[in-house]
Amino acid sequence: MITNHDIVMIGGGGAGLRAAIAIAETNPNLSIAVVSKVYPMRSHTVAAEGGAAAVIKDNDSLENHIHDTIAGGDWMCDQDAVEYFVNEAPREMIQMEHWGCPWSREPDGTVAVRPFGGMNIERTWFAADKTGFHMLHTLFQTSLKHNNITRYDEWFATKILVENGRCQGVTAIELRSGKIEVIAGKATIMCTGGAGRIFPFTTNGAIKTGDGMAMAYRAGVPLKDMEFIQYHPTGLPGTGILITEAARGEGGIMLNKDGYRYLQDYDLGKPLDIDDPSHPVKKSMELGPRDRLCQAFVAEREKERTIPSSYGHVVHLDIRHLGEKKIDKKLPFVRELSKNYAGIDPVYEPIPVRPVVHYMMGGIDTDINGATSLPGLYAAGECACVSINGANRLGSNSLTELLVFGARTGKAAARFALEVPHPDKNSLELQTADEQNRITRNFFRKGRGTERIFSLRKEMNETMETSAGIYRSGKSLKETCDKIKELKDRFVNIDLEDKSLNFNTELTSALELEFMLDVAEAIAYSALKRTESRGSHQRSDFPERDDENFLKHSMAYQTNTKPHIDYKDVIITKWPPGKRVYGKEK
């Protein structure tokens, strides 16, 4: 069966909903499909806690935000995209206000902002510490006003359909029935989020398995800058649950086993007394960038100054000095999470934390309009690389990014859809039959498979964590490349115990694992080829940044054997590469 729309959205999170709203407002006559493997309010945007960055205060400037973003990204950002992003950000945030997003306020009624790591000025808008939750609610409720948006909740997209040199929709499984159908469109927008579940310890929800990235990769679209994986310095041990950067923005401090503020030993400034009105200092100590704080943790562990626990080594995040009243007003969710998942009350005890995989700077290669190299295919949000995040995303830029580039990408896709004909029905039916046969052949064999999903996924997690984590080397990355190839070879022997069609979660787990192995492959090979250290990509065998050879975006193309890695220049407009300076206000 084929269902036709003008534009097909894959993913119903923040980027997907913002794109859908932009299309509906641009042209209410366009038919829009939002295809999501979960109900939209379960999308991972809902889990973001700390806030969204945009210039709003008189002591800030667009120039400051641009420079913080570019320097924070270790000069790997495309500067034209950053300039557009920063200029549009305030308008998008005010629009969210008009749609009903309950931004926290100062006593005088103005929007409150808090400091975030790597930023020279406070510019992070927030709604207590449930910012993503409130933003996603706002976008979801706004989308309901538009009758030309049709939702396909709990539909699992499996393949991009290409005909006559352009993307013409996707095949998707209706999870309730197990039937596979075509959801066709003149333009398709990938908004499927990141792929943190490739790693064992992550803040990412179970749904973040790189589906959109892998589908684009298989369709011939390159994945850009995949070697840059962001670890967040404060995840709860054992769960990966995020303790928001807002806790440090409000004045939380990091302590090793001796109660010592160890970040002062890593070129991140000197600590002020916690009672000093100037604490915390922007771009200093606990408000340094995420990559540098995670690297400091590794160094502390090697010096045996971390704290052993049943879930690995940890350090302490201490917010006790903030007091119960401030914690309950500004960080109520941090208190709730700490109580429920760590068994401690941060009003009285420090929170045990460790680095945890959080975000992918790389993704589907797009231009500033969200367009890929495949006509008709667009991407926005974490699955895309436009590229404003470079080698290290600054916290609170991502929520704003999904608004700014969700809107821009939606409008660009709407323009494209008006210029091309409807998809070729006969061709799409043939491709759907092929996809149905592939899934049946590969996953519904009669007891002939020897491999299990859990085992392969566990081995993938382990090799990515140990060899492609915070620090890498040529030797470890080569081992990871070989291991991923081995796992892909073994994957063909997967057997499913569940042969049913209705809500077959074992089948979706197998498809997700197949996607993750493709993305893991792109990460490992891209990291192996980048023989320098930059931002979140740290090579122990190449510890220095190498602008002469590697001020370039990596481009991973899928082949029948191993990924082909090519490069293209970073776009520099006004800000030539310089030294990342932290530890003092600029």
Protein backbone atom coordinates (compact mmCIF):
# COMPACT_ATOMS: atom_id res chain seq x y z
CA MET A 1 0.00 0.00 0.00
CA ILE A 2 1.17 3.54 -0.80
CA THR A 3 0.13 6.63 1.14
CA ASN A 4 1.01 9.91 -0.57
CA HIS A 5 1.96 13.18 1.09
CA ASP A 6 3.80 16.24 -0.11
CA ILE A 7 6.41 16.06 2.65
CA VAL A 8 7.34 13.15 4.91
CA MET A 9 8.92 13.83 8.31
CA ILE A 10 10.81 10.92 9.88
CA GLY A 11 10.88 11.64 13.60
CA GLY A 12 8.37 13.43 15.79
CA GLY A 13 10.71 15.14 18.28
CA GLY A 14 11.64 18.80 18.51
CA ALA A 15 13.23 19.17 15.07
CA GLY A 16 10.51 17.16 13.31
CA LEU A 17 7.64 19.04 14.91
CA ARG A 18 9.27 22.44 14.35
CA ALA A 19 9.82 21.57 10.67
CA ALA A 20 6.22 20.37 10.32
CA ILE A 21 4.88 23.58 11.86
CA ALA A 22 7.08 25.71 9.56
CA ILE A 23 5.76 23.87 6.50
CA ALA A 24 2.15 24.15 7.64
CA GLU A 25 2.53 27.88 8.25
CA THR A 26 4.35 28.39 4.93
CA ASN A 27 1.72 26.59 2.86
CA PRO A 28 -1.40 25.17 4.52
CA ASN A 29 -2.21 23.29 1.31
CA LEU A 30 0.80 20.98 1.62
CA SER A 31 0.12 17.55 3.07
CA ILE A 32 2.61 16.66 5.84
CA ALA A 33 3.28 13.24 7.36
CA VAL A 34 5.06 12.90 10.71
CA VAL A 35 6.32 9.32 11.01
CA SER A 36 7.63 8.34 14.45
CA LYS A 37 8.53 5.01 16.02
CA VAL A 38 7.22 6.36 19.33
CA TYR A 39 4.45 8.70 20.38
CA PRO A 40 5.93 12.22 19.83
CA MET A 41 5.97 13.12 23.52
CA ARG A 42 8.30 10.14 24.08
CA SER A 43 10.88 11.62 21.69
CA HIS A 44 14.25 12.29 23.30
CA THR A 45 13.87 16.08 23.20
CA VAL A 46 11.71 15.61 26.28
CA ALA A 47 14.77 14.51 28.29
CA ALA A 48 16.76 17.75 27.84
CA GLU A 49 17.03 19.52 31.16
CA GLY A 50 19.28 22.57 31.24
CA GLY A 51 18.12 25.07 28.64
CA ALA A 52 18.40 26.63 25.20
CA ALA A 53 20.87 29.35 24.19
CA ALA A 54 19.92 32.68 22.61
CA VAL A 55 21.08 36.27 23.07
CA ILE A 56 18.50 38.30 25.01
CA LYS A 57 20.32 40.33 27.70
CA ASP A 58 21.88 43.76 27.25
CA ASN A 59 25.28 42.52 28.47
CA ASP A 60 25.44 39.95 25.66
CA SER A 61 25.83 40.19 21.89
CA LEU A 62 25.38 38.06 18.79
CA GLU A 63 29.13 38.36 18.22
CA ASN A 64 29.81 36.85 21.66
CA HIS A 65 27.53 33.89 21.00
CA ILE A 66 29.07 33.27 17.58
CA HIS A 67 32.62 33.34 18.94
CA ASP A 68 31.81 31.12 21.93
CA THR A 69 30.24 28.56 19.59
CA ILE A 70 33.09 28.54 17.07
CA ALA A 71 35.86 28.45 19.68
CA GLY A 72 33.96 25.84 21.70
CA GLY A 73 33.76 23.71 18.54
CA ASP A 74 37.56 23.98 18.17
CA TRP A 75 37.13 25.81 14.86
CA MET A 76 35.40 22.92 13.12
CA CYS A 77 32.11 24.83 12.80
CA ASP A 78 30.94 26.17 9.43
CA GLN A 79 30.86 29.83 10.32
CA ASP A 80 28.12 30.86 7.88
CA ALA A 81 25.80 28.34 9.55
CA VAL A 82 26.78 29.56 13.03
CA GLU A 83 26.09 33.18 12.08
CA TYR A 84 22.65 32.29 10.78
CA PHE A 85 21.92 30.14 13.82
CA VAL A 86 22.86 32.83 16.33
CA ASN A 87 20.97 35.57 14.48
CA GLU A 88 17.78 33.50 14.27
CA ALA A 89 17.93 32.06 17.79
CA PRO A 90 16.27 34.97 19.68
CA ARG A 91 13.34 35.07 17.24
CA GLU A 92 12.74 31.34 17.62
CA MET A 93 12.86 31.51 21.40
CA ILE A 94 10.42 34.42 21.51
CA GLN A 95 8.16 32.48 19.14
CA MET A 96 8.21 29.58 21.61
CA GLU A 97 7.14 32.02 24.30
CA HIS A 98 4.20 33.13 22.17
CA TRP A 99 3.23 29.48 21.64
CA GLY A 100 3.16 28.96 25.39
CA CYS A 101 6.59 27.72 26.52
CA PRO A 102 6.87 28.66 30.23
CA TRP A 103 10.36 30.18 30.40
CA SER A 104 11.60 30.83 33.92
CA ARG A 105 11.56 34.50 34.93
CA GLU A 106 13.56 37.05 36.84
CA PRO A 107 11.81 38.92 39.70
CA ASP A 108 11.16 41.83 37.30
CA GLY A 109 9.35 39.54 34.84
CA THR A 110 12.05 39.34 32.19
CA VAL A 111 13.26 36.00 30.85
CA ALA A 112 15.81 34.39 33.15
CA VAL A 113 19.07 33.05 31.75
CA ARG A 114 21.75 30.92 33.40
CA PRO A 115 25.44 30.31 32.66
CA PHE A 116 26.48 27.19 30.74
CA GLY A 117 29.85 25.62 30.07
CA GLY A 118 32.12 27.23 27.49
CA MET A 119 30.07 30.42 27.25
CA ASN A 120 31.39 33.84 28.20
CA ILE A 121 27.97 35.30 29.07
CA GLU A 122 24.80 33.91 30.63
CA ARG A 123 22.49 33.23 27.68
CA THR A 124 20.76 29.92 28.38
CA TRP A 125 16.98 30.24 28.62
CA PHE A 126 15.38 27.59 30.83
CA ALA A 127 12.16 26.26 32.27
CA ALA A 128 13.43 25.15 35.70
CA ASP A 129 15.38 21.98 34.83
CA LYS A 130 12.75 20.42 32.50
CA THR A 131 13.38 22.64 29.50
CA GLY A 132 13.14 19.96 26.81
CA PHE A 133 9.93 18.63 28.35
CA HIS A 134 8.26 22.03 28.15
CA MET A 135 9.63 22.80 24.68
CA LEU A 136 8.41 19.50 23.25
CA HIS A 137 4.97 19.98 24.85
CA THR A 138 4.79 23.43 23.31
CA LEU A 139 5.71 22.20 19.84
CA PHE A 140 3.39 19.20 20.04
CA GLN A 141 0.41 21.29 21.14
CA THR A 142 1.14 23.85 18.41
CA SER A 143 1.31 21.14 15.75
CA LEU A 144 -2.22 20.02 16.68
CA LYS A 145 -3.59 23.31 15.33
CA HIS A 146 -2.66 22.37 11.76
CA ASN A 147 -5.06 20.04 9.99
CA ASN A 148 -2.60 19.32 7.18
CA ILE A 149 -0.26 17.45 9.56
CA THR A 150 -0.98 13.70 9.74
CA ARG A 151 0.79 11.64 12.41
CA TYR A 152 1.95 8.07 11.98
CA ASP A 153 2.71 7.16 15.59
CA GLU A 154 4.56 3.88 16.19
CA TRP A 155 5.65 3.42 12.60
CA PHE A 156 9.24 2.29 12.12
CA ALA A 157 10.98 3.63 8.98
CA THR A 158 13.33 1.09 7.39
CA LYS A 159 14.52 2.43 4.04
CA ILE A 160 14.76 5.59 1.94
CA LEU A 161 13.14 5.12 -1.47
CA VAL A 162 15.10 6.56 -4.39
CA GLU A 163 13.75 6.83 -7.92
CA ASN A 164 14.72 9.07 -10.85
CA GLY A 165 17.66 10.38 -8.85
CA ARG A 166 15.68 11.75 -5.91
CA CYS A 167 14.25 10.64 -2.58
CA GLN A 168 10.55 9.84 -2.89
CA GLY A 169 9.66 8.69 0.62
CA VAL A 170 10.32 5.72 2.89
CA THR A 171 9.16 2.22 3.66
CA ALA A 172 7.87 1.86 7.21
CA ILE A 173 6.51 -0.90 9.42
CA GLU A 174 3.27 -0.23 11.27
CA LEU A 175 4.28 -1.72 14.61
CA ARG A 176 0.73 -2.59 15.63
CA SER A 177 0.10 -4.84 12.62
CA GLY A 178 3.58 -5.59 11.32
CA LYS A 179 2.62 -4.58 7.78
CA ILE A 180 5.17 -2.70 5.71
CA GLU A 181 3.96 0.19 3.59
CA VAL A 182 5.21 3.11 1.54
CA ILE A 183 4.80 6.60 2.95
CA ALA A 184 5.63 8.60 -0.15
CA GLY A 185 6.50 12.26 -0.48
CA LYS A 186 7.98 14.80 -2.83
CA ALA A 187 10.45 15.65 -0.04
CA THR A 188 11.56 13.73 3.04
CA ILE A 189 13.11 15.22 6.19
CA MET A 190 15.15 13.07 8.60
CA CYS A 191 14.74 14.21 12.20
CA THR A 192 15.59 10.95 13.95
CA GLY A 193 18.06 12.15 16.58
CA GLY A 194 21.46 10.76 17.48
CA ALA A 195 22.93 7.31 18.04
CA GLY A 196 24.16 7.30 21.62
CA ARG A 197 22.93 3.73 22.14
CA ILE A 198 25.96 2.52 20.21
CA PHE A 199 27.74 3.06 23.54
CA PRO A 200 26.89 1.22 26.78
CA PHE A 201 26.78 4.22 29.12
CA THR A 202 24.73 7.07 27.69
CA THR A 203 22.17 9.72 28.58
CA ASN A 204 20.30 8.81 25.39
CA GLY A 205 16.96 7.07 25.49
CA ALA A 206 16.52 3.59 24.07
CA ILE A 207 15.13 4.97 20.80
CA LYS A 208 18.33 6.79 19.81
CA THR A 209 19.84 4.16 17.56
CA GLY A 210 20.98 6.16 14.53
CA ASP A 211 18.13 5.05 12.25
CA GLY A 212 18.04 8.15 10.05
CA MET A 213 21.82 8.41 9.79
CA ALA A 214 22.08 4.79 8.67
CA MET A 215 19.25 5.08 6.14
CA ALA A 216 20.88 8.14 4.56
CA TYR A 217 24.29 6.41 4.61
CA ARG A 218 22.84 3.40 2.76
CA ALA A 219 21.25 5.73 0.21
CA GLY A 220 24.67 7.17 -0.72
CA VAL A 221 24.61 10.32 1.43
CA PRO A 222 27.84 10.89 3.39
CA LEU A 223 27.96 11.07 7.16
CA LYS A 224 30.01 14.08 8.23
CA ASP A 225 32.34 14.48 11.26
CA MET A 226 31.25 11.20 12.84
CA GLU A 227 34.41 10.93 14.94
CA PHE A 228 33.23 13.72 17.23
CA ILE A 229 31.26 12.11 20.07
CA GLN A 230 30.42 14.27 23.06
CA TYR A 231 30.66 12.90 26.57
CA HIS A 232 28.83 14.82 29.27
CA PRO A 233 30.85 15.10 32.50
CA THR A 234 27.95 14.45 34.89
CA GLY A 235 25.97 11.26 34.36
CA LEU A 236 24.60 9.16 37.21
CA PRO A 237 26.62 5.93 37.54
CA GLY A 238 24.76 2.77 36.63
CA THR A 239 21.99 4.50 34.71
CA GLY A 240 23.54 7.13 32.44
CA ILE A 241 20.83 9.55 33.55
CA LEU A 242 21.93 13.13 32.97
CA ILE A 243 22.57 15.52 35.81
CA THR A 244 22.15 18.73 33.90
CA GLU A 245 24.91 21.26 33.33
CA ALA A 246 22.52 23.70 34.95
CA ALA A 247 23.62 22.26 38.31
CA ARG A 248 27.10 23.64 37.64
CA GLY A 249 25.65 26.77 36.07
CA GLU A 250 23.86 27.50 39.34
CA GLY A 251 27.12 27.07 41.27
CA GLY A 252 27.70 23.32 41.72
CA ILE A 253 31.34 22.24 42.17
CA MET A 254 33.29 19.12 41.15
CA LEU A 255 35.30 17.29 43.81
CA ASN A 256 37.65 14.30 43.74
CA LYS A 257 37.99 11.66 46.49
CA ASP A 258 39.92 14.13 48.66
CA GLY A 259 37.24 16.82 48.42
CA TYR A 260 39.57 18.83 46.17
CA ARG A 261 38.30 20.96 43.25
CA TYR A 262 40.52 19.17 40.77
CA LEU A 263 39.58 21.12 37.66
CA GLN A 264 42.01 23.85 38.70
CA ASP A 265 44.83 21.44 37.77
CA TYR A 266 43.76 21.26 34.09
CA ASP A 267 44.16 24.80 32.77
CA LEU A 268 40.56 25.66 33.56
CA GLY A 269 41.16 28.51 35.98
CA LYS A 270 41.33 28.88 39.73
CA PRO A 271 38.38 28.38 42.05
CA LEU A 272 36.65 31.20 43.82
CA ASP A 273 35.14 30.69 47.25
CA ILE A 274 31.62 29.33 46.78
CA ASP A 275 30.30 32.32 48.77
CA ASP A 276 31.98 34.80 46.43
CA PRO A 277 29.29 36.68 44.45
CA SER A 278 31.36 36.11 41.27
CA HIS A 279 31.15 32.30 41.61
CA PRO A 280 30.78 30.53 39.23
CA VAL A 281 33.08 32.25 36.73
CA LYS A 282 32.08 31.85 33.09
CA LYS A 283 34.37 29.71 30.90
CA SER A 284 36.22 28.64 34.03
CA MET A 285 36.44 25.57 36.27
CA GLU A 286 33.05 23.80 36.34
CA LEU A 287 31.88 26.04 33.49
CA GLY A 288 34.61 24.92 31.14
CA PRO A 289 33.57 23.01 27.99
CA ARG A 290 32.35 19.43 28.25
CA ASP A 291 35.23 17.84 26.38
CA ARG A 292 37.83 19.40 28.69
CA LEU A 293 35.94 18.39 31.85
CA CYS A 294 35.65 14.78 30.66
CA GLN A 295 39.35 14.65 29.81
CA ALA A 296 40.12 15.97 33.30
CA PHE A 297 38.11 13.10 34.81
CA VAL A 298 40.21 10.56 32.89
CA ALA A 299 43.38 12.21 34.17
CA GLU A 300 42.09 12.10 37.75
CA ARG A 301 41.25 8.42 37.38
CA GLU A 302 44.74 7.70 36.14
CA LYS A 303 46.14 9.56 39.18
CA GLU A 304 43.90 7.35 41.42
CA ARG A 305 42.09 10.41 42.74
CA THR A 306 38.57 9.31 41.74
CA ILE A 307 36.14 7.36 43.92
CA PRO A 308 35.60 3.61 43.28
CA SER A 309 31.98 2.50 43.09
CA SER A 310 30.03 -0.56 42.04
CA TYR A 311 29.47 1.16 38.67
CA GLY A 312 33.03 2.27 38.01
CA HIS A 313 34.97 5.29 39.18
CA VAL A 314 33.13 8.53 39.99
CA VAL A 315 33.72 12.03 41.30
CA HIS A 316 31.34 14.23 43.28
CA LEU A 317 29.10 17.04 42.07
CA ASP A 318 28.34 19.10 45.17
CA ILE A 319 25.36 21.49 45.22
CA ARG A 320 24.68 21.39 48.97
CA HIS A 321 25.81 24.99 49.42
CA LEU A 322 23.02 26.21 47.13
CA GLY A 323 20.49 25.39 49.84
CA GLU A 324 17.18 23.56 49.70
CA LYS A 325 15.13 26.59 48.61
CA LYS A 326 17.28 27.31 45.53
CA ILE A 327 17.61 23.64 44.61
CA ASP A 328 13.84 23.18 44.74
CA LYS A 329 13.28 26.30 42.64
CA LYS A 330 16.04 25.96 40.04
CA LEU A 331 16.98 22.24 40.11
CA PRO A 332 13.94 20.26 41.33
CA PHE A 333 14.42 17.51 38.74
CA VAL A 334 18.07 17.06 39.74
CA ARG A 335 16.91 16.46 43.29
CA GLU A 336 14.21 14.03 42.16
CA LEU A 337 16.59 12.05 39.92
CA SER A 338 19.28 11.88 42.60
CA LYS A 339 16.81 10.56 45.16
CA ASN A 340 15.17 8.02 42.85
CA TYR A 341 18.22 6.68 41.00
CA ALA A 342 21.22 7.30 43.27
CA GLY A 343 19.51 7.07 46.66
CA ILE A 344 20.88 10.40 47.86
CA ASP A 345 19.37 13.81 48.55
CA PRO A 346 21.66 16.49 47.03
CA VAL A 347 20.49 18.97 49.66
CA TYR A 348 22.52 16.91 52.16
CA GLU A 349 24.97 14.77 50.12
CA PRO A 350 27.15 15.26 47.02
CA ILE A 351 26.00 13.51 43.83
CA PRO A 352 28.25 10.74 42.40
CA VAL A 353 28.83 11.39 38.69
CA ARG A 354 31.01 10.21 35.80
CA PRO A 355 31.33 11.05 32.08
CA VAL A 356 28.63 9.60 29.87
CA VAL A 357 28.02 9.63 26.07
CA HIS A 358 25.59 12.43 25.40
CA TYR A 359 25.55 13.87 21.87
CA MET A 360 26.85 13.40 18.33
CA MET A 361 28.32 16.45 16.68
CA GLY A 362 28.43 14.59 13.36
CA GLY A 363 25.58 13.30 11.27
CA ILE A 364 23.99 13.43 7.83
CA ASP A 365 25.84 15.97 5.72
CA THR A 366 23.58 18.92 4.89
CA ASP A 367 23.93 22.43 3.56
CA ILE A 368 22.64 25.48 5.43
CA ASN A 369 19.10 24.70 4.20
CA GLY A 370 19.16 21.16 5.56
CA ALA A 371 19.45 19.70 2.04
CA THR A 372 21.57 16.59 1.45
CA SER A 373 23.38 15.51 -1.70
CA LEU A 374 20.32 13.36 -2.57
CA PRO A 375 17.63 15.64 -4.06
CA GLY A 376 14.46 15.55 -2.01
CA LEU A 377 16.18 14.36 1.18
CA TYR A 378 16.69 16.81 4.04
CA ALA A 379 17.80 16.47 7.67
CA ALA A 380 17.61 18.54 10.86
CA GLY A 381 18.39 18.15 14.56
CA GLU A 382 20.99 15.82 16.03
CA CYS A 383 20.89 13.36 13.11
CA ALA A 384 22.09 16.18 10.81
CA CYS A 385 25.45 17.94 10.60
CA VAL A 386 24.93 21.44 9.23
CA SER A 387 27.65 22.10 10.98
CA ILE A 388 27.32 24.45 13.95
CA ASN A 389 28.73 22.16 16.64
CA GLY A 390 32.16 21.41 15.22
CA ALA A 391 34.31 19.17 17.38
CA ASN A 392 32.53 19.99 20.65
CA ARG A 393 28.98 21.27 21.03
CA LEU A 394 28.38 23.93 23.65
CA GLY A 395 25.65 22.93 26.05
CA SER A 396 22.24 24.55 25.37
CA ASN A 397 22.97 25.18 21.67
CA SER A 398 21.27 21.94 20.56
CA LEU A 399 17.73 22.76 21.72
CA THR A 400 17.95 26.07 19.88
CA GLU A 401 19.45 24.35 16.84
CA LEU A 402 16.45 22.07 16.42
CA LEU A 403 14.22 25.16 16.35
CA VAL A 404 16.33 27.27 14.01
CA PHE A 405 17.23 24.56 11.51
CA GLY A 406 13.99 22.65 11.94
CA ALA A 407 12.19 25.78 10.72
CA ARG A 408 14.67 26.55 7.93
CA THR A 409 14.76 22.96 6.69
CA GLY A 410 10.97 22.72 6.69
CA LYS A 411 10.64 25.85 4.58
CA ALA A 412 13.33 24.64 2.13
CA ALA A 413 11.60 21.25 1.76
CA ALA A 414 8.28 23.02 1.17
CA ARG A 415 9.78 25.02 -1.70
CA PHE A 416 11.27 21.86 -3.21
CA ALA A 417 7.97 20.00 -2.97
CA LEU A 418 6.23 22.62 -5.10
CA GLU A 419 8.71 22.07 -7.92
CA VAL A 420 8.62 18.27 -8.41
CA PRO A 421 5.94 15.73 -9.38
CA HIS A 422 4.43 13.10 -7.15
CA PRO A 423 6.42 9.87 -6.80
CA ASP A 424 6.23 7.03 -9.30
CA LYS A 425 3.74 4.56 -7.77
CA ASN A 426 4.86 1.47 -9.71
CA SER A 427 8.54 1.89 -8.84
CA LEU A 428 7.78 2.43 -5.16
CA GLU A 429 5.64 -0.70 -5.03
CA LEU A 430 8.50 -2.77 -6.46
CA GLN A 431 10.98 -1.30 -3.95
CA THR A 432 8.57 -2.03 -1.11
CA ALA A 433 8.25 -5.64 -2.19
CA ASP A 434 12.06 -5.90 -2.21
CA GLU A 435 12.25 -4.46 1.30
CA GLN A 436 9.55 -6.81 2.57
CA ASN A 437 11.43 -9.77 1.08
CA ARG A 438 14.70 -8.59 2.64
CA ILE A 439 13.18 -8.38 6.11
CA THR A 440 11.45 -11.75 5.79
CA ARG A 441 14.60 -13.42 4.40
CA ASN A 442 16.98 -11.94 6.97
CA PHE A 443 14.94 -12.10 10.14
CA PHE A 444 12.17 -14.68 9.90
CA ARG A 445 14.14 -17.82 9.03
CA LYS A 446 13.16 -21.05 10.70
CA GLY A 447 15.70 -21.60 13.43
CA ARG A 448 18.75 -21.39 11.16
CA GLY A 449 20.38 -18.42 12.85
CA THR A 450 23.20 -18.80 15.35
CA GLU A 451 23.58 -15.23 16.63
CA ARG A 452 21.53 -13.29 19.15
CA ILE A 453 20.83 -9.57 19.17
CA PHE A 454 21.87 -9.10 22.80
CA SER A 455 25.29 -10.68 22.34
CA LEU A 456 26.19 -8.68 19.24
CA ARG A 457 24.94 -5.45 20.75
CA LYS A 458 26.90 -6.02 23.96
CA GLU A 459 30.10 -6.63 22.00
CA MET A 460 29.49 -3.49 19.94
CA ASN A 461 28.95 -1.44 23.10
CA GLU A 462 32.13 -2.77 24.69
CA THR A 463 34.42 -2.12 21.73
CA MET A 464 33.07 1.39 21.21
CA GLU A 465 33.48 2.30 24.89
CA THR A 466 36.98 0.89 25.31
CA SER A 467 38.48 1.84 21.97
CA ALA A 468 36.52 4.82 20.64
CA GLY A 469 35.73 6.67 23.86
CA ILE A 470 37.15 9.85 25.41
CA TYR A 471 40.70 8.92 24.37
CA ARG A 472 41.56 6.89 21.29
CA SER A 473 44.69 5.61 19.54
CA GLY A 474 45.44 4.25 16.11
CA LYS A 475 45.83 0.75 17.56
CA SER A 476 42.53 0.85 19.48
CA LEU A 477 40.62 2.30 16.56
CA LYS A 478 41.98 -0.29 14.13
CA GLU A 479 40.82 -2.98 16.57
CA THR A 480 37.39 -1.35 16.69
CA CYS A 481 37.15 -1.18 12.88
CA ASP A 482 38.01 -4.88 12.68
CA LYS A 483 35.54 -5.74 15.44
CA ILE A 484 32.68 -3.85 13.83
CA LYS A 485 33.35 -5.65 10.54
CA GLU A 486 33.29 -8.97 12.40
CA LEU A 487 29.98 -8.06 14.05
CA LYS A 488 28.45 -7.05 10.71
CA ASP A 489 29.56 -10.37 9.22
CA ARG A 490 28.01 -12.25 12.14
CA PHE A 491 24.83 -10.18 12.01
CA VAL A 492 23.66 -12.06 8.90
CA ASN A 493 23.24 -15.11 11.16
CA ILE A 494 20.76 -13.38 13.47
CA ASP A 495 17.71 -15.45 14.33
CA LEU A 496 14.51 -14.16 15.89
CA GLU A 497 12.60 -16.21 18.41
CA ASP A 498 9.50 -14.06 17.94
CA LYS A 499 7.95 -14.82 14.53
CA SER A 500 4.79 -12.76 15.10
CA LEU A 501 3.92 -9.54 13.31
CA ASN A 502 2.13 -7.52 16.00
CA PHE A 503 4.43 -5.25 18.03
CA ASN A 504 7.43 -7.46 17.35
CA THR A 505 10.00 -5.65 19.47
CA GLU A 506 12.61 -8.28 18.71
CA LEU A 507 12.38 -7.39 15.02
CA THR A 508 12.71 -3.66 15.70
CA SER A 509 15.68 -4.39 17.99
CA ALA A 510 17.36 -6.29 15.15
CA LEU A 511 16.72 -3.48 12.67
CA GLU A 512 18.05 -0.94 15.18
CA LEU A 513 21.19 -3.00 15.75
CA GLU A 514 21.76 -3.16 11.99
CA PHE A 515 21.48 0.64 11.84
CA MET A 516 23.83 1.06 14.81
CA LEU A 517 26.50 -1.14 13.28
CA ASP A 518 26.49 1.04 10.16
CA VAL A 519 26.85 4.20 12.24
CA ALA A 520 29.53 2.64 14.48
CA GLU A 521 31.49 1.76 11.35
CA ALA A 522 31.40 5.37 10.16
CA ILE A 523 32.51 6.60 13.60
CA ALA A 524 35.44 4.21 13.91
CA TYR A 525 36.85 4.71 10.42
CA SER A 526 36.43 8.50 10.56
CA ALA A 527 38.27 8.57 13.90
CA LEU A 528 41.06 6.30 12.61
CA LYS A 529 41.72 8.60 9.65
CA ARG A 530 41.84 11.83 11.74
CA THR A 531 45.39 11.76 13.05
CA GLU A 532 45.13 14.77 15.34
CA SER A 533 43.41 15.76 18.60
CA ARG A 534 40.57 18.28 18.34
CA GLY A 535 37.68 18.87 20.74
CA SER A 536 36.00 15.60 21.67
CA HIS A 537 38.33 13.60 19.39
CA GLN A 538 41.46 12.95 21.43
CA ARG A 539 44.23 10.74 19.99
CA SER A 540 46.82 9.65 22.51
CA ASP A 541 49.22 9.00 19.61
CA PHE A 542 48.54 12.40 17.98
CA PRO A 543 47.96 14.76 20.93
CA GLU A 544 48.12 18.07 19.03
CA ARG A 545 45.60 19.86 16.80
CA ASP A 546 46.70 19.90 13.16
CA ASP A 547 44.98 22.72 11.26
CA GLU A 548 47.20 22.33 8.22
CA ASN A 549 45.98 18.83 7.48
CA PHE A 550 42.72 18.46 9.39
CA LEU A 551 40.83 21.74 9.44
CA LYS A 552 38.42 19.76 7.31
CA HIS A 553 35.16 17.89 7.70
CA SER A 554 35.42 14.13 7.38
CA MET A 555 32.93 12.56 4.95
CA ALA A 556 32.15 8.85 5.38
CA TYR A 557 30.64 7.07 2.35
CA GLN A 558 29.37 3.51 2.55
CA THR A 559 30.93 0.94 0.20
CA ASN A 560 30.64 -2.83 -0.13
CA THR A 561 33.77 -3.33 1.97
CA LYS A 562 34.67 -0.51 4.34
CA PRO A 563 33.75 3.19 4.51
CA HIS A 564 35.48 5.55 2.13
CA ILE A 565 36.63 8.65 4.04
CA ASP A 566 36.93 11.91 2.14
CA TYR A 567 37.19 15.51 3.33
CA LYS A 568 35.81 18.95 2.56
CA ASP A 569 36.89 22.36 3.83
CA VAL A 570 35.43 24.02 6.90
CA ILE A 571 33.75 27.31 5.97
CA ILE A 572 35.65 30.21 7.56
CA THR A 573 34.09 33.68 7.28
CA LYS A 574 35.58 36.05 9.88
CA TRP A 575 37.10 34.01 12.67
CA PRO A 576 40.44 32.35 11.85
CA PRO A 577 41.45 29.38 14.00
CA GLY A 578 42.90 30.33 17.35
CA LYS A 579 43.66 28.84 20.75
CA ARG A 580 40.79 27.76 22.97
CA VAL A 581 41.20 29.83 26.11
CA TYR A 582 39.45 28.93 29.34
CA GLY A 583 40.01 29.78 32.96
CA LYS A 584 39.45 33.49 32.68
CA GLU A 585 36.79 35.83 31.39
CA LYS A 586 37.40 37.25 27.95
